Structures are given as structure tokens and as C-alpha cells.
């Protein structure tokens, strides 16, 4: 009998579990690396966008600051001018307003006042030209004013709601009203003495 001599080492089947584990770990690491790379490029793009926005907002801020400084300087000038105007033009206006309203005829309306250094400009609505004439006569006699100048006389029509063409006859029966601008020179001596009761 011949003995069997096997010089080759015993080959046992190796387990395939460690190879599978390595493959799973490599896949997970690859996914994590891919996610990190994607996040990096997205963050880099957002940083570039935010830098551009920061530069734009900084330039807008500088422009708005320049405008604000200009407005502050303009308001400071107008404030100084207002203070100077108040120092130069310091007279009571209530007696003048009362006088111009007291002399108005009926159905007449004062629309606007403008006070200047030496005069007052009023705008009033009158029904007739004779009412304008009467009002000017009363202003001439008033001790509060030294000179009267009529600036403009414009006529306008009253319109109540919508007028259709069938009422065109009524349109010609209406008398237009007149808007008058009058400049009155103030008598400061009489105004300083006050109103006589």
C-alpha cells in the first residue's frame, strides 16, 4: 500500500463576509464624499452671490447716505431761511384774516391765503363782477391795507354731478362764478396798533 502524501496545504473556503463589508463601507464613504463635495460647491456659489450682493448693497448705502446728507443740508438751509423769515416777517395774521372775511359779500368764499413779507395774497370765489367791485371798494376803505392789486379774474362753471347733453339748455341759463386773486399791501402801523373797538 502506498501512502498518500499531500504536500499541498489544506484549502478551506474563506468566508466572503469581510469582502461584502468592505464594499458597503466603500460605497458609504463614496456617498458621504460626494455629498460633501456637492455641499462645498453649493456653498462656494452662495458665497460668491452673497459677496456680489454685499458690494451692491454697500454702493446703495453710500449713495443713500450722500442723498441723506444732501437732504439734511437742504433742510438745514430751509430751516435757517424759515427762522430768518419769521424774524423778518413777524406780524399777527388773525386780524387780517378776520378783516378779509368780514368784508366779503354773501355767497362768496375765500379759497386761499398766502402771506408775504409786506403783503397778503388771497383767492376768493364771487358770483358776479359787481360783487368783486364792491369787495374791492371795501378793501380800499379798510385801514389794514394800503394798496390793493387785482392779479387774475377767471370764470368757472359750477358742475353738480354728471350733466348729460339733454340739459344743455340749463347749462346756458347758469351764470358762471369768478375766481379772483387779490394782493393786499399791509399797513403795519395800523396793524401794530391793533383793532379799534
N, C-alpha and C. Protein backbone atom coordinates (compact mmCIF):
# COMPACT_ATOMS: atom_id res chain seq x y z
N UNK A 1 0.82 -1.13 0.00
CA UNK A 1 0.00 0.00 0.00
C UNK A 1 0.89 1.22 0.00
N UNK A 2 0.36 2.15 -0.78
CA UNK A 2 1.17 3.35 -0.98
C UNK A 2 0.51 4.45 -0.11
N UNK A 3 1.30 5.05 0.67
CA UNK A 3 0.70 6.11 1.49
C UNK A 3 0.47 7.37 0.65
N UNK A 4 -0.60 8.08 0.96
CA UNK A 4 -0.92 9.33 0.25
C UNK A 4 -0.25 10.47 0.97
N UNK A 5 0.54 11.13 0.20
CA UNK A 5 1.23 12.28 0.78
C UNK A 5 0.74 13.49 0.01
N UNK A 6 0.19 14.36 0.74
CA UNK A 6 -0.33 15.59 0.13
C UNK A 6 0.53 16.74 0.62
N UNK A 7 1.29 17.25 -0.30
CA UNK A 7 2.17 18.33 0.07
C UNK A 7 1.49 19.70 -0.06
N UNK A 8 0.38 19.73 -0.64
CA UNK A 8 -0.35 20.99 -0.78
C UNK A 8 -1.08 21.29 0.53
N UNK A 9 -1.12 22.58 0.84
CA UNK A 9 -1.81 22.92 2.09
C UNK A 9 -3.30 22.71 1.94
N UNK A 10 -3.92 22.52 3.05
CA UNK A 10 -5.36 22.35 3.05
C UNK A 10 -6.03 23.68 2.66
N UNK A 11 -6.83 23.65 1.67
CA UNK A 11 -7.56 24.84 1.24
C UNK A 11 -8.96 24.79 1.84
N UNK A 12 -9.19 25.76 2.64
CA UNK A 12 -10.54 25.87 3.19
C UNK A 12 -11.22 27.05 2.53
N UNK A 13 -12.46 26.95 2.41
CA UNK A 13 -13.20 28.06 1.81
C UNK A 13 -13.19 29.25 2.77
N UNK A 14 -12.77 30.38 2.23
CA UNK A 14 -12.75 31.57 3.07
C UNK A 14 -14.14 32.21 3.05
N UNK A 15 -14.40 32.85 4.12
CA UNK A 15 -15.71 33.48 4.24
C UNK A 15 -15.73 34.73 3.38
N UNK A 16 -16.87 35.03 2.70
CA UNK A 16 -16.99 36.19 1.83
C UNK A 16 -17.55 37.41 2.56
N UNK A 17 -17.82 37.33 3.83
CA UNK A 17 -18.41 38.42 4.60
C UNK A 17 -17.49 39.61 4.69
N UNK A 18 -16.18 39.49 4.93
CA UNK A 18 -15.35 40.69 5.00
C UNK A 18 -15.30 41.44 3.67
N UNK A 19 -15.35 40.80 2.55
CA UNK A 19 -15.34 41.50 1.26
C UNK A 19 -16.63 42.31 1.10
N UNK A 20 -17.73 41.73 1.45
CA UNK A 20 -19.01 42.42 1.37
C UNK A 20 -19.02 43.63 2.30
N UNK A 21 -18.45 43.47 3.48
CA UNK A 21 -18.37 44.59 4.43
C UNK A 21 -17.51 45.71 3.87
N UNK A 22 -16.39 45.38 3.24
CA UNK A 22 -15.54 46.41 2.65
C UNK A 22 -16.27 47.15 1.52
N UNK A 23 -17.01 46.45 0.75
CA UNK A 23 -17.75 47.07 -0.36
C UNK A 23 -18.79 48.05 0.18
N UNK A 24 -19.50 47.66 1.22
CA UNK A 24 -20.52 48.54 1.82
C UNK A 24 -19.85 49.78 2.39
N UNK A 25 -18.72 49.61 3.08
CA UNK A 25 -18.02 50.76 3.67
C UNK A 25 -17.53 51.70 2.56
N UNK A 26 -16.99 51.16 1.47
CA UNK A 26 -16.50 51.98 0.37
C UNK A 26 -17.66 52.76 -0.28
N UNK A 27 -18.80 52.11 -0.45
CA UNK A 27 -19.97 52.79 -1.05
C UNK A 27 -20.45 53.91 -0.13
N UNK A 28 -20.53 53.66 1.19
CA UNK A 28 -20.98 54.70 2.13
C UNK A 28 -20.00 55.86 2.16
N UNK A 29 -18.71 55.59 2.17
CA UNK A 29 -17.72 56.66 2.17
C UNK A 29 -17.82 57.47 0.88
N UNK A 30 -18.04 56.79 -0.25
CA UNK A 30 -18.18 57.48 -1.54
C UNK A 30 -19.41 58.39 -1.53
N UNK A 31 -20.51 57.93 -0.97
CA UNK A 31 -21.74 58.75 -0.91
C UNK A 31 -21.49 59.97 -0.03
N UNK A 32 -20.85 59.76 1.13
CA UNK A 32 -20.58 60.89 2.03
C UNK A 32 -19.64 61.89 1.35
N UNK A 33 -18.59 61.39 0.67
CA UNK A 33 -17.68 62.29 -0.02
C UNK A 33 -18.39 63.07 -1.14
N UNK A 34 -19.24 62.38 -1.90
CA UNK A 34 -19.98 63.04 -2.97
C UNK A 34 -20.89 64.13 -2.40
N UNK A 35 -21.57 63.84 -1.27
CA UNK A 35 -22.44 64.82 -0.61
C UNK A 35 -21.64 66.02 -0.15
N UNK A 36 -20.47 65.77 0.44
CA UNK A 36 -19.63 66.86 0.93
C UNK A 36 -19.12 67.73 -0.22
N UNK A 37 -18.75 67.10 -1.33
CA UNK A 37 -18.27 67.86 -2.49
C UNK A 37 -19.38 68.73 -3.07
N UNK A 38 -20.59 68.15 -3.17
CA UNK A 38 -21.74 68.92 -3.68
C UNK A 38 -22.03 70.10 -2.75
N UNK A 39 -22.02 69.87 -1.44
CA UNK A 39 -22.27 70.95 -0.47
C UNK A 39 -21.19 72.03 -0.59
N UNK A 40 -19.97 71.63 -0.79
CA UNK A 40 -18.88 72.59 -0.91
C UNK A 40 -19.09 73.51 -2.10
N UNK A 41 -19.42 72.94 -3.27
CA UNK A 41 -19.61 73.77 -4.45
C UNK A 41 -20.85 74.66 -4.33
N UNK A 42 -21.91 74.15 -3.69
CA UNK A 42 -23.10 74.99 -3.48
C UNK A 42 -22.77 76.16 -2.55
N UNK A 43 -22.05 75.87 -1.47
CA UNK A 43 -21.68 76.93 -0.53
C UNK A 43 -20.76 77.95 -1.21
N UNK A 44 -19.88 77.47 -2.04
CA UNK A 44 -18.97 78.37 -2.75
C UNK A 44 -19.74 79.29 -3.69
N UNK A 45 -20.73 78.75 -4.39
CA UNK A 45 -21.59 79.57 -5.26
C UNK A 45 -22.40 80.59 -4.47
N UNK A 46 -22.93 80.16 -3.31
CA UNK A 46 -23.70 81.09 -2.48
C UNK A 46 -22.82 82.20 -1.93
N UNK A 47 -21.59 81.87 -1.56
CA UNK A 47 -20.67 82.89 -1.06
C UNK A 47 -20.38 83.92 -2.15
N UNK A 48 -20.19 83.46 -3.38
CA UNK A 48 -19.94 84.40 -4.48
C UNK A 48 -21.15 85.30 -4.71
N UNK A 49 -22.35 84.71 -4.65
CA UNK A 49 -23.58 85.51 -4.81
C UNK A 49 -23.72 86.52 -3.68
N UNK A 50 -23.48 86.08 -2.45
CA UNK A 50 -23.60 86.98 -1.30
C UNK A 50 -22.56 88.09 -1.34
N UNK A 51 -21.37 87.79 -1.83
CA UNK A 51 -20.34 88.83 -1.97
C UNK A 51 -20.79 89.89 -2.98
N UNK A 52 -21.37 89.44 -4.09
CA UNK A 52 -21.86 90.40 -5.09
C UNK A 52 -22.98 91.25 -4.51
N UNK A 53 -23.90 90.63 -3.76
CA UNK A 53 -24.98 91.39 -3.12
C UNK A 53 -24.44 92.37 -2.10
N UNK A 54 -23.42 91.96 -1.35
CA UNK A 54 -22.83 92.84 -0.35
C UNK A 54 -22.22 94.07 -1.02
N UNK A 55 -21.53 93.87 -2.13
CA UNK A 55 -20.93 95.00 -2.85
C UNK A 55 -22.02 95.94 -3.36
N UNK A 56 -23.10 95.36 -3.92
CA UNK A 56 -24.20 96.18 -4.44
C UNK A 56 -24.89 96.96 -3.31
N UNK A 57 -25.16 96.29 -2.19
CA UNK A 57 -25.81 96.97 -1.07
C UNK A 57 -24.91 98.03 -0.46
N UNK A 58 -23.62 97.80 -0.45
CA UNK A 58 -22.70 98.81 0.07
C UNK A 58 -22.71 100.05 -0.81
N UNK A 59 -22.74 99.85 -2.13
CA UNK A 59 -22.80 101.01 -3.03
C UNK A 59 -24.13 101.74 -2.88
N UNK A 60 -25.23 100.99 -2.70
CA UNK A 60 -26.53 101.63 -2.48
C UNK A 60 -26.53 102.42 -1.18
N UNK A 61 -25.91 101.86 -0.14
CA UNK A 61 -25.85 102.55 1.14
C UNK A 61 -25.07 103.85 1.01
N UNK A 62 -23.96 103.81 0.29
CA UNK A 62 -23.17 105.03 0.10
C UNK A 62 -23.96 106.08 -0.67
N UNK A 63 -24.69 105.63 -1.71
CA UNK A 63 -25.49 106.57 -2.49
C UNK A 63 -26.60 107.17 -1.64
N UNK A 64 -27.29 106.35 -0.85
CA UNK A 64 -28.36 106.85 0.02
C UNK A 64 -27.81 107.77 1.10
N UNK A 65 -26.62 107.48 1.58
CA UNK A 65 -26.00 108.35 2.59
C UNK A 65 -25.70 109.73 1.99
N UNK A 66 -25.23 109.74 0.73
CA UNK A 66 -24.98 111.01 0.06
C UNK A 66 -26.28 111.79 -0.11
N UNK A 67 -27.36 111.09 -0.52
CA UNK A 67 -28.66 111.76 -0.68
C UNK A 67 -29.16 112.28 0.66
N UNK A 68 -28.99 111.48 1.71
CA UNK A 68 -29.44 111.91 3.04
C UNK A 68 -28.67 113.14 3.51
N UNK A 69 -27.36 113.14 3.29
CA UNK A 69 -26.57 114.32 3.66
C UNK A 69 -27.03 115.55 2.88
N UNK A 70 -27.32 115.36 1.59
CA UNK A 70 -27.82 116.48 0.78
C UNK A 70 -29.15 117.00 1.30
N UNK A 71 -30.06 116.06 1.66
CA UNK A 71 -31.36 116.48 2.19
C UNK A 71 -31.22 117.16 3.53
N UNK A 72 -30.30 116.68 4.35
CA UNK A 72 -30.09 117.33 5.65
C UNK A 72 -29.56 118.75 5.45
N UNK A 73 -28.64 118.91 4.51
CA UNK A 73 -28.11 120.25 4.24
C UNK A 73 -29.20 121.15 3.67
N UNK A 74 -30.05 120.58 2.79
CA UNK A 74 -31.13 121.36 2.21
C UNK A 74 -32.13 121.75 3.28
N UNK A 75 -32.49 120.80 4.16
CA UNK A 75 -33.44 121.10 5.22
C UNK A 75 -32.84 122.09 6.21
N UNK A 76 -31.55 121.98 6.45
CA UNK A 76 -30.92 122.94 7.36
C UNK A 76 -30.99 124.33 6.77
N UNK A 77 -30.75 124.44 5.47
CA UNK A 77 -30.86 125.74 4.81
C UNK A 77 -32.27 126.27 4.85
N UNK A 78 -33.24 125.39 4.58
CA UNK A 78 -34.62 125.86 4.59
C UNK A 78 -35.05 126.19 6.02
N UNK A 79 -34.51 125.49 7.00
CA UNK A 79 -34.83 125.82 8.38
C UNK A 79 -34.26 127.18 8.75
N UNK A 80 -33.01 127.43 8.33
CA UNK A 80 -32.42 128.74 8.59
C UNK A 80 -33.19 129.83 7.87
N UNK A 81 -33.60 129.55 6.64
CA UNK A 81 -34.39 130.53 5.90
C UNK A 81 -35.73 130.76 6.58
N UNK A 82 -36.32 129.70 7.11
CA UNK A 82 -37.60 129.85 7.81
C UNK A 82 -37.44 130.71 9.05
N UNK A 83 -36.38 130.48 9.79
CA UNK A 83 -36.14 131.28 11.00
C UNK A 83 -35.93 132.74 10.63
N UNK A 84 -35.14 133.00 9.58
CA UNK A 84 -34.93 134.37 9.13
C UNK A 84 -36.23 135.00 8.68
N UNK A 85 -37.05 134.23 7.96
CA UNK A 85 -38.33 134.75 7.50
C UNK A 85 -39.22 135.12 8.69
N UNK A 86 -39.24 134.26 9.72
CA UNK A 86 -40.07 134.55 10.89
C UNK A 86 -39.56 135.79 11.62
N UNK A 87 -38.23 135.95 11.68
CA UNK A 87 -37.68 137.15 12.33
C UNK A 87 -38.02 138.42 11.54
N UNK A 88 -37.96 138.33 10.21
CA UNK A 88 -38.27 139.50 9.40
C UNK A 88 -39.77 139.72 9.26
N UNK A 89 -40.52 138.64 9.17
CA UNK A 89 -41.96 138.74 8.98
C UNK A 89 -42.62 138.25 10.26
N UNK A 90 -42.83 139.16 11.13
CA UNK A 90 -43.45 138.81 12.40
C UNK A 90 -44.60 139.79 12.64
N UNK A 91 -45.76 139.39 12.19
CA UNK A 91 -46.94 140.23 12.39
C UNK A 91 -48.14 139.32 12.63
N UNK A 92 -49.14 139.82 13.34
CA UNK A 92 -50.32 138.99 13.60
C UNK A 92 -51.16 138.86 12.33
N UNK A 93 -51.57 137.65 12.03
CA UNK A 93 -52.35 137.41 10.82
C UNK A 93 -53.85 137.30 11.09
N UNK A 94 -54.21 137.04 12.33
CA UNK A 94 -55.62 136.86 12.65
C UNK A 94 -56.45 138.10 12.33
N UNK A 95 -56.00 139.32 12.67
CA UNK A 95 -56.81 140.49 12.30
C UNK A 95 -56.96 140.64 10.78
N UNK A 96 -55.93 140.27 10.03
CA UNK A 96 -56.01 140.37 8.58
C UNK A 96 -57.01 139.36 8.01
N UNK A 97 -56.98 138.15 8.53
CA UNK A 97 -57.94 137.13 8.08
C UNK A 97 -59.35 137.55 8.44
N UNK A 98 -59.53 138.03 9.66
CA UNK A 98 -60.87 138.46 10.09
C UNK A 98 -61.37 139.61 9.22
N UNK A 99 -60.50 140.56 8.90
CA UNK A 99 -60.89 141.71 8.09
C UNK A 99 -61.29 141.28 6.68
N UNK A 100 -60.49 140.39 6.07
CA UNK A 100 -60.82 139.96 4.70
C UNK A 100 -62.10 139.14 4.67
N UNK A 101 -62.38 138.39 5.71
CA UNK A 101 -63.62 137.61 5.74
C UNK A 101 -64.82 138.47 6.09
N UNK A 102 -64.65 139.47 6.96
CA UNK A 102 -65.77 140.32 7.37
C UNK A 102 -66.27 141.18 6.21
N UNK A 103 -65.39 141.55 5.30
CA UNK A 103 -65.78 142.41 4.19
C UNK A 103 -66.38 141.64 3.01
N UNK A 104 -66.34 140.33 3.05
CA UNK A 104 -66.85 139.52 1.93
C UNK A 104 -68.36 139.67 1.79
N UNK A 105 -68.87 139.79 0.56
CA UNK A 105 -70.32 139.75 0.37
C UNK A 105 -70.86 138.34 0.58
N UNK A 106 -72.16 138.21 0.62
CA UNK A 106 -72.78 136.88 0.79
C UNK A 106 -72.49 136.03 -0.45
N UNK A 107 -72.52 134.74 -0.26
CA UNK A 107 -72.27 133.76 -1.32
C UNK A 107 -70.87 133.93 -1.95
N UNK A 108 -69.92 134.33 -1.13
CA UNK A 108 -68.54 134.46 -1.58
C UNK A 108 -67.67 133.63 -0.65
N UNK A 109 -66.66 132.98 -1.22
CA UNK A 109 -65.85 132.06 -0.44
C UNK A 109 -64.36 132.37 -0.63
N UNK A 110 -63.66 132.49 0.48
CA UNK A 110 -62.20 132.63 0.43
C UNK A 110 -61.60 131.24 0.26
N UNK A 111 -60.76 131.07 -0.74
CA UNK A 111 -60.18 129.76 -1.03
C UNK A 111 -58.75 129.61 -0.52
N UNK A 112 -57.98 130.72 -0.51
CA UNK A 112 -56.56 130.56 -0.23
C UNK A 112 -55.98 131.85 0.32
N UNK A 113 -55.00 131.71 1.22
CA UNK A 113 -54.22 132.82 1.76
C UNK A 113 -52.75 132.54 1.50
N UNK A 114 -52.01 133.58 1.12
CA UNK A 114 -50.54 133.48 1.05
C UNK A 114 -49.99 134.73 1.71
N UNK A 115 -49.21 134.53 2.76
CA UNK A 115 -48.65 135.66 3.50
C UNK A 115 -47.21 135.88 3.06
N UNK A 116 -46.91 137.14 2.72
CA UNK A 116 -45.55 137.51 2.34
C UNK A 116 -44.97 138.45 3.37
N UNK A 117 -43.83 139.04 3.05
CA UNK A 117 -43.18 139.95 3.99
C UNK A 117 -43.96 141.24 4.17
N UNK A 118 -44.51 141.76 3.08
CA UNK A 118 -45.21 143.04 3.17
C UNK A 118 -46.64 142.97 2.67
N UNK A 119 -47.07 141.81 2.19
CA UNK A 119 -48.43 141.74 1.65
C UNK A 119 -49.06 140.39 1.93
N UNK A 120 -50.32 140.32 1.60
CA UNK A 120 -51.09 139.08 1.71
C UNK A 120 -51.81 138.89 0.39
N UNK A 121 -51.79 137.67 -0.12
CA UNK A 121 -52.48 137.36 -1.37
C UNK A 121 -53.63 136.43 -1.06
N UNK A 122 -54.82 136.81 -1.49
CA UNK A 122 -56.00 135.98 -1.23
C UNK A 122 -56.62 135.56 -2.55
N UNK A 123 -57.27 134.43 -2.53
CA UNK A 123 -58.03 133.95 -3.67
C UNK A 123 -59.45 133.70 -3.19
N UNK A 124 -60.42 134.30 -3.88
CA UNK A 124 -61.81 134.19 -3.46
C UNK A 124 -62.69 133.91 -4.67
N UNK A 125 -63.85 133.29 -4.42
CA UNK A 125 -64.83 132.99 -5.47
C UNK A 125 -66.03 133.91 -5.28
N UNK A 126 -66.42 134.59 -6.36
CA UNK A 126 -67.54 135.54 -6.34
C UNK A 126 -68.60 135.09 -7.33
N UNK A 127 -69.85 135.54 -7.09
CA UNK A 127 -70.93 135.20 -8.01
C UNK A 127 -71.00 136.15 -9.19
N UNK A 128 -70.74 137.46 -8.96
CA UNK A 128 -70.87 138.43 -10.04
C UNK A 128 -69.67 139.36 -10.04
N UNK A 129 -69.52 140.07 -11.14
CA UNK A 129 -68.47 141.07 -11.24
C UNK A 129 -68.74 142.25 -10.31
N UNK A 130 -70.01 142.58 -10.11
CA UNK A 130 -70.33 143.69 -9.20
C UNK A 130 -69.96 143.33 -7.77
N UNK A 131 -70.08 142.06 -7.40
CA UNK A 131 -69.66 141.63 -6.06
C UNK A 131 -68.16 141.81 -5.90
N UNK A 132 -67.40 141.55 -6.96
CA UNK A 132 -65.94 141.77 -6.92
C UNK A 132 -65.65 143.25 -6.72
N UNK A 133 -66.36 144.09 -7.47
CA UNK A 133 -66.16 145.53 -7.38
C UNK A 133 -66.48 146.04 -5.98
N UNK A 134 -67.59 145.59 -5.40
CA UNK A 134 -67.97 146.01 -4.04
C UNK A 134 -66.93 145.57 -3.01
N UNK A 135 -66.43 144.36 -3.18
CA UNK A 135 -65.42 143.86 -2.24
C UNK A 135 -64.14 144.68 -2.33
N UNK A 136 -63.72 145.02 -3.54
CA UNK A 136 -62.52 145.83 -3.72
C UNK A 136 -62.70 147.23 -3.11
N UNK A 137 -63.91 147.80 -3.26
CA UNK A 137 -64.19 149.10 -2.64
C UNK A 137 -64.06 149.01 -1.13
N UNK A 138 -64.57 147.95 -0.52
CA UNK A 138 -64.49 147.79 0.93
C UNK A 138 -63.04 147.61 1.39
N UNK A 139 -62.26 146.87 0.58
CA UNK A 139 -60.85 146.69 0.92
C UNK A 139 -60.07 148.00 0.83
N UNK A 140 -60.43 148.83 -0.14
CA UNK A 140 -59.77 150.14 -0.28
C UNK A 140 -59.99 151.01 0.95
N UNK A 141 -61.17 150.89 1.55
CA UNK A 141 -61.51 151.71 2.71
C UNK A 141 -60.91 151.12 3.99
N UNK A 142 -60.59 149.86 3.99
CA UNK A 142 -60.09 149.19 5.19
C UNK A 142 -58.77 149.80 5.64
N UNK A 143 -58.63 150.08 6.95
CA UNK A 143 -57.39 150.67 7.44
C UNK A 143 -56.23 149.66 7.50
N UNK A 144 -56.48 148.39 7.34
CA UNK A 144 -55.43 147.38 7.42
C UNK A 144 -54.58 147.31 6.16
N UNK A 145 -55.09 147.85 5.06
CA UNK A 145 -54.39 147.69 3.78
C UNK A 145 -54.13 149.06 3.16
N UNK A 146 -52.92 149.21 2.60
CA UNK A 146 -52.55 150.48 1.97
C UNK A 146 -52.71 150.43 0.46
N UNK A 147 -52.62 149.26 -0.14
CA UNK A 147 -52.73 149.15 -1.59
C UNK A 147 -53.37 147.82 -1.94
N UNK A 148 -54.16 147.85 -3.02
CA UNK A 148 -54.87 146.64 -3.45
C UNK A 148 -54.59 146.45 -4.93
N UNK A 149 -54.20 145.24 -5.30
CA UNK A 149 -53.95 144.92 -6.72
C UNK A 149 -54.69 143.64 -7.06
N UNK A 150 -55.42 143.69 -8.15
CA UNK A 150 -56.12 142.50 -8.63
C UNK A 150 -55.18 141.77 -9.57
N UNK A 151 -54.89 140.51 -9.22
CA UNK A 151 -53.97 139.72 -10.04
C UNK A 151 -54.67 139.09 -11.22
N UNK A 152 -55.59 138.19 -10.97
CA UNK A 152 -56.29 137.49 -12.05
C UNK A 152 -57.77 137.39 -11.71
N UNK A 153 -58.57 137.38 -12.76
CA UNK A 153 -60.01 137.10 -12.63
C UNK A 153 -60.32 136.00 -13.64
N UNK A 154 -60.74 134.86 -13.15
CA UNK A 154 -61.06 133.73 -14.03
C UNK A 154 -62.48 133.29 -13.74
N UNK A 155 -63.19 132.94 -14.79
CA UNK A 155 -64.54 132.43 -14.56
C UNK A 155 -64.54 130.91 -14.62
N UNK A 156 -65.47 130.32 -13.89
CA UNK A 156 -65.62 128.86 -13.91
C UNK A 156 -67.08 128.55 -13.70
N UNK A 157 -67.48 127.38 -14.16
CA UNK A 157 -68.88 126.98 -14.05
C UNK A 157 -69.01 125.94 -12.96
N UNK A 158 -70.09 126.02 -12.24
CA UNK A 158 -70.38 125.01 -11.23
C UNK A 158 -70.91 123.77 -11.92
N UNK A 159 -70.42 122.63 -11.53
CA UNK A 159 -70.95 121.38 -12.08
C UNK A 159 -71.35 120.49 -10.93
N UNK A 160 -72.59 120.07 -10.95
CA UNK A 160 -73.11 119.20 -9.90
C UNK A 160 -73.36 117.85 -10.53
N UNK A 161 -72.51 116.90 -10.20
CA UNK A 161 -72.65 115.57 -10.76
C UNK A 161 -72.38 115.57 -12.26
N UNK A 162 -72.89 114.55 -12.94
CA UNK A 162 -72.71 114.44 -14.38
C UNK A 162 -73.86 115.14 -15.08
N UNK A 163 -73.55 115.92 -16.08
CA UNK A 163 -74.57 116.60 -16.85
C UNK A 163 -74.63 115.95 -18.22
N UNK A 164 -75.85 115.58 -18.63
CA UNK A 164 -75.97 115.00 -19.96
C UNK A 164 -76.35 116.08 -20.96
N UNK A 165 -76.28 115.77 -22.24
CA UNK A 165 -76.46 116.78 -23.28
C UNK A 165 -77.89 117.26 -23.37
N UNK A 166 -78.86 116.50 -22.83
CA UNK A 166 -80.25 116.95 -22.89
C UNK A 166 -80.47 118.18 -22.03
N UNK A 167 -79.59 118.41 -21.06
CA UNK A 167 -79.71 119.59 -20.20
C UNK A 167 -78.83 120.73 -20.69
N UNK A 168 -78.50 120.76 -21.96
CA UNK A 168 -77.63 121.81 -22.47
C UNK A 168 -78.30 123.17 -22.38
N UNK A 169 -79.63 123.22 -22.43
CA UNK A 169 -80.33 124.50 -22.28
C UNK A 169 -80.12 125.03 -20.86
N UNK A 170 -80.13 124.12 -19.88
CA UNK A 170 -79.90 124.54 -18.50
C UNK A 170 -78.49 125.07 -18.32
N UNK A 171 -77.58 124.53 -19.10
CA UNK A 171 -76.18 124.96 -19.00
C UNK A 171 -76.03 126.44 -19.34
N UNK A 172 -76.74 126.89 -20.36
CA UNK A 172 -76.63 128.29 -20.76
C UNK A 172 -77.41 129.23 -19.85
N UNK A 173 -78.28 128.68 -19.01
CA UNK A 173 -79.02 129.51 -18.08
C UNK A 173 -78.22 129.76 -16.79
N UNK A 174 -77.17 128.96 -16.55
CA UNK A 174 -76.36 129.14 -15.35
C UNK A 174 -75.39 130.30 -15.54
N UNK A 175 -75.21 131.06 -14.49
CA UNK A 175 -74.27 132.18 -14.52
C UNK A 175 -72.95 131.69 -13.96
N UNK A 176 -71.84 131.90 -14.66
CA UNK A 176 -70.56 131.42 -14.15
C UNK A 176 -70.11 132.22 -12.94
N UNK A 177 -69.33 131.59 -12.10
CA UNK A 177 -68.73 132.27 -10.95
C UNK A 177 -67.33 132.72 -11.33
N UNK A 178 -66.77 133.60 -10.50
CA UNK A 178 -65.47 134.18 -10.80
C UNK A 178 -64.50 133.89 -9.66
N UNK A 179 -63.30 133.47 -10.02
CA UNK A 179 -62.23 133.27 -9.05
C UNK A 179 -61.25 134.42 -9.21
N UNK A 180 -61.00 135.14 -8.12
CA UNK A 180 -60.19 136.36 -8.17
C UNK A 180 -59.00 136.23 -7.23
N UNK A 181 -57.84 136.64 -7.71
CA UNK A 181 -56.63 136.69 -6.89
C UNK A 181 -56.32 138.16 -6.63
N UNK A 182 -56.25 138.52 -5.34
CA UNK A 182 -56.04 139.91 -4.94
C UNK A 182 -54.81 139.97 -4.04
N UNK A 183 -53.93 140.93 -4.31
CA UNK A 183 -52.76 141.17 -3.46
C UNK A 183 -53.00 142.43 -2.65
N UNK A 184 -52.87 142.31 -1.33
CA UNK A 184 -53.15 143.42 -0.42
C UNK A 184 -51.87 143.82 0.29
N UNK A 185 -51.48 145.09 0.18
CA UNK A 185 -50.31 145.60 0.91
C UNK A 185 -50.74 145.93 2.33
N UNK A 186 -50.01 145.43 3.30
CA UNK A 186 -50.39 145.54 4.71
C UNK A 186 -49.93 146.88 5.28
N UNK A 187 -50.81 147.53 6.06
CA UNK A 187 -50.44 148.74 6.79
C UNK A 187 -49.96 148.30 8.17
N UNK A 188 -48.63 148.20 8.33
CA UNK A 188 -48.07 147.66 9.56
C UNK A 188 -48.26 148.59 10.74
N UNK A 189 -48.34 149.89 10.50
CA UNK A 189 -48.55 150.84 11.60
C UNK A 189 -49.91 150.62 12.24
N UNK A 190 -50.94 150.48 11.40
CA UNK A 190 -52.28 150.24 11.93
C UNK A 190 -52.37 148.85 12.55
N UNK A 191 -51.70 147.90 11.91
CA UNK A 191 -51.74 146.52 12.43
C UNK A 191 -51.05 146.42 13.78
N UNK A 192 -49.98 147.18 13.99
CA UNK A 192 -49.27 147.16 15.27
C UNK A 192 -50.11 147.79 16.37
N UNK A 193 -50.92 148.80 15.99
CA UNK A 193 -51.77 149.46 16.99
C UNK A 193 -52.95 148.61 17.39
N UNK A 194 -53.30 147.64 16.60
CA UNK A 194 -54.42 146.77 16.92
C UNK A 194 -55.71 147.35 16.40
N UNK A 195 -56.72 146.58 16.57
CA UNK A 195 -58.04 146.93 16.08
C UNK A 195 -58.71 147.85 17.08
N UNK A 196 -59.36 148.91 16.58
CA UNK A 196 -60.08 149.81 17.46
C UNK A 196 -61.47 149.23 17.71
N UNK A 197 -61.87 149.19 18.97
CA UNK A 197 -63.18 148.63 19.27
C UNK A 197 -64.22 149.72 19.33
